[in-house]
Amino acid sequence: MGGAGVFRPEVTEPLGCHVPVLAWGLGLERLGMFRFGLSDIRELYLAHLSWLTGVASCRS
């Protein structure tokens, strides 16, 4: 459920950091993926109105 990885040098070197930087954590997006049965995290950020109207907690 948690993500982890190493920052690419293109991200850290402009900031003056020339050593590998690790990152990890539990994102709310991954819990949302689990809750709604999604396999691609990008689905949480796309505007699929047909999907939203089909989810009971998104209807008013």
C-alpha atoms as a PDB file:
ATOM      1  CA  MET A   1       0.000   0.000   0.000  1.00  0.00           C
ATOM      2  CA  GLY A   2       2.887   2.402   0.566  1.00  0.00           C
ATOM      3  CA  GLY A   3       5.112   3.861  -2.087  1.00  0.00           C
ATOM      4  CA  ALA A   4       8.884   4.149  -1.966  1.00  0.00           C
ATOM      5  CA  GLY A   5      11.740   5.082  -4.238  1.00  0.00           C
ATOM      6  CA  VAL A   6      14.871   7.085  -4.941  1.00  0.00           C
ATOM      7  CA  PHE A   7      14.675  10.647  -6.265  1.00  0.00           C
ATOM      8  CA  ARG A   8      16.238  11.062  -9.698  1.00  0.00           C
ATOM      9  CA  PRO A   9      19.408  13.221  -9.886  1.00  0.00           C
ATOM     10  CA  GLU A  10      17.598  15.751 -12.132  1.00  0.00           C
ATOM     11  CA  VAL A  11      15.380  16.569  -9.156  1.00  0.00           C
ATOM     12  CA  THR A  12      17.959  16.742  -6.365  1.00  0.00           C
ATOM     13  CA  GLU A  13      21.090  18.175  -8.048  1.00  0.00           C
ATOM     14  CA  PRO A  14      19.550  21.597  -8.869  1.00  0.00           C
ATOM     15  CA  LEU A  15      18.848  21.881  -5.135  1.00  0.00           C
ATOM     16  CA  GLY A  16      22.502  21.242  -4.294  1.00  0.00           C
ATOM     17  CA  CYS A  17      22.049  17.650  -3.142  1.00  0.00           C
ATOM     18  CA  HIS A  18      24.519  15.282  -4.817  1.00  0.00           C
ATOM     19  CA  VAL A  19      23.778  12.105  -2.851  1.00  0.00           C
ATOM     20  CA  PRO A  20      20.902   9.610  -3.319  1.00  0.00           C
ATOM     21  CA  VAL A  21      17.669  10.638  -1.590  1.00  0.00           C
ATOM     22  CA  LEU A  22      15.130   8.018  -0.499  1.00  0.00           C
ATOM     23  CA  ALA A  23      11.424   8.707  -0.067  1.00  0.00           C
ATOM     24  CA  TRP A  24       8.577   6.598   1.267  1.00  0.00           C
ATOM     25  CA  GLY A  25       5.147   6.985   2.756  1.00  0.00           C
ATOM     26  CA  LEU A  26       1.522   5.979   2.737  1.00  0.00           C
ATOM     27  CA  GLY A  27      -0.488   8.164   0.384  1.00  0.00           C
ATOM     28  CA  LEU A  28      -4.206   8.749   0.691  1.00  0.00           C
ATOM     29  CA  GLU A  29      -4.417   8.067  -3.044  1.00  0.00           C
ATOM     30  CA  ARG A  30      -3.452   4.441  -2.492  1.00  0.00           C
ATOM     31  CA  LEU A  31      -6.180   4.045   0.115  1.00  0.00           C
ATOM     32  CA  GLY A  32      -8.639   5.555  -2.374  1.00  0.00           C
ATOM     33  CA  MET A  33      -7.484   3.097  -5.031  1.00  0.00           C
ATOM     34  CA  PHE A  34      -8.112   0.227  -2.629  1.00  0.00           C
ATOM     35  CA  ARG A  35     -11.501   1.590  -1.546  1.00  0.00           C
ATOM     36  CA  PHE A  36     -12.828   2.107  -5.092  1.00  0.00           C
ATOM     37  CA  GLY A  37     -11.148  -0.917  -6.697  1.00  0.00           C
ATOM     38  CA  LEU A  38      -8.924   1.074  -9.058  1.00  0.00           C
ATOM     39  CA  SER A  39      -5.750  -0.355 -10.574  1.00  0.00           C
ATOM     40  CA  ASP A  40      -4.295   2.933 -11.879  1.00  0.00           C
ATOM     41  CA  ILE A  41      -3.658   5.887  -9.538  1.00  0.00           C
ATOM     42  CA  ARG A  42      -4.234   8.327 -12.410  1.00  0.00           C
ATOM     43  CA  GLU A  43      -7.917   7.388 -12.389  1.00  0.00           C
ATOM     44  CA  LEU A  44      -8.300   9.413  -9.176  1.00  0.00           C
ATOM     45  CA  TYR A  45      -7.280  12.609 -10.975  1.00  0.00           C
ATOM     46  CA  LEU A  46      -9.282  12.262 -14.186  1.00  0.00           C
ATOM     47  CA  ALA A  47     -12.744  13.782 -14.565  1.00  0.00           C
ATOM     48  CA  HIS A  48     -14.881  10.755 -15.437  1.00  0.00           C
ATOM     49  CA  LEU A  49     -18.355  12.076 -14.682  1.00  0.00           C
ATOM     50  CA  SER A  50     -19.964   8.744 -15.549  1.00  0.00           C
ATOM     51  CA  TRP A  51     -17.802   7.028 -12.899  1.00  0.00           C
ATOM     52  CA  LEU A  52     -18.565   9.695 -10.292  1.00  0.00           C
ATOM     53  CA  THR A  53     -22.316   9.418 -10.764  1.00  0.00           C
ATOM     54  CA  GLY A  54     -22.047   5.645 -10.291  1.00  0.00           C
ATOM     55  CA  VAL A  55     -20.333   5.909  -6.889  1.00  0.00           C
ATOM     56  CA  ALA A  56     -22.907   6.176  -4.126  1.00  0.00           C
ATOM     57  CA  SER A  57     -20.760   8.384  -1.867  1.00  0.00           C
ATOM     58  CA  CYS A  58     -20.319  10.931  -4.694  1.00  0.00           C
ATOM     59  CA  ARG A  59     -24.058  11.426  -5.326  1.00  0.00           C
ATOM     60  CA  SER A  60     -26.034  14.061  -3.504  1.00  0.00           C
END
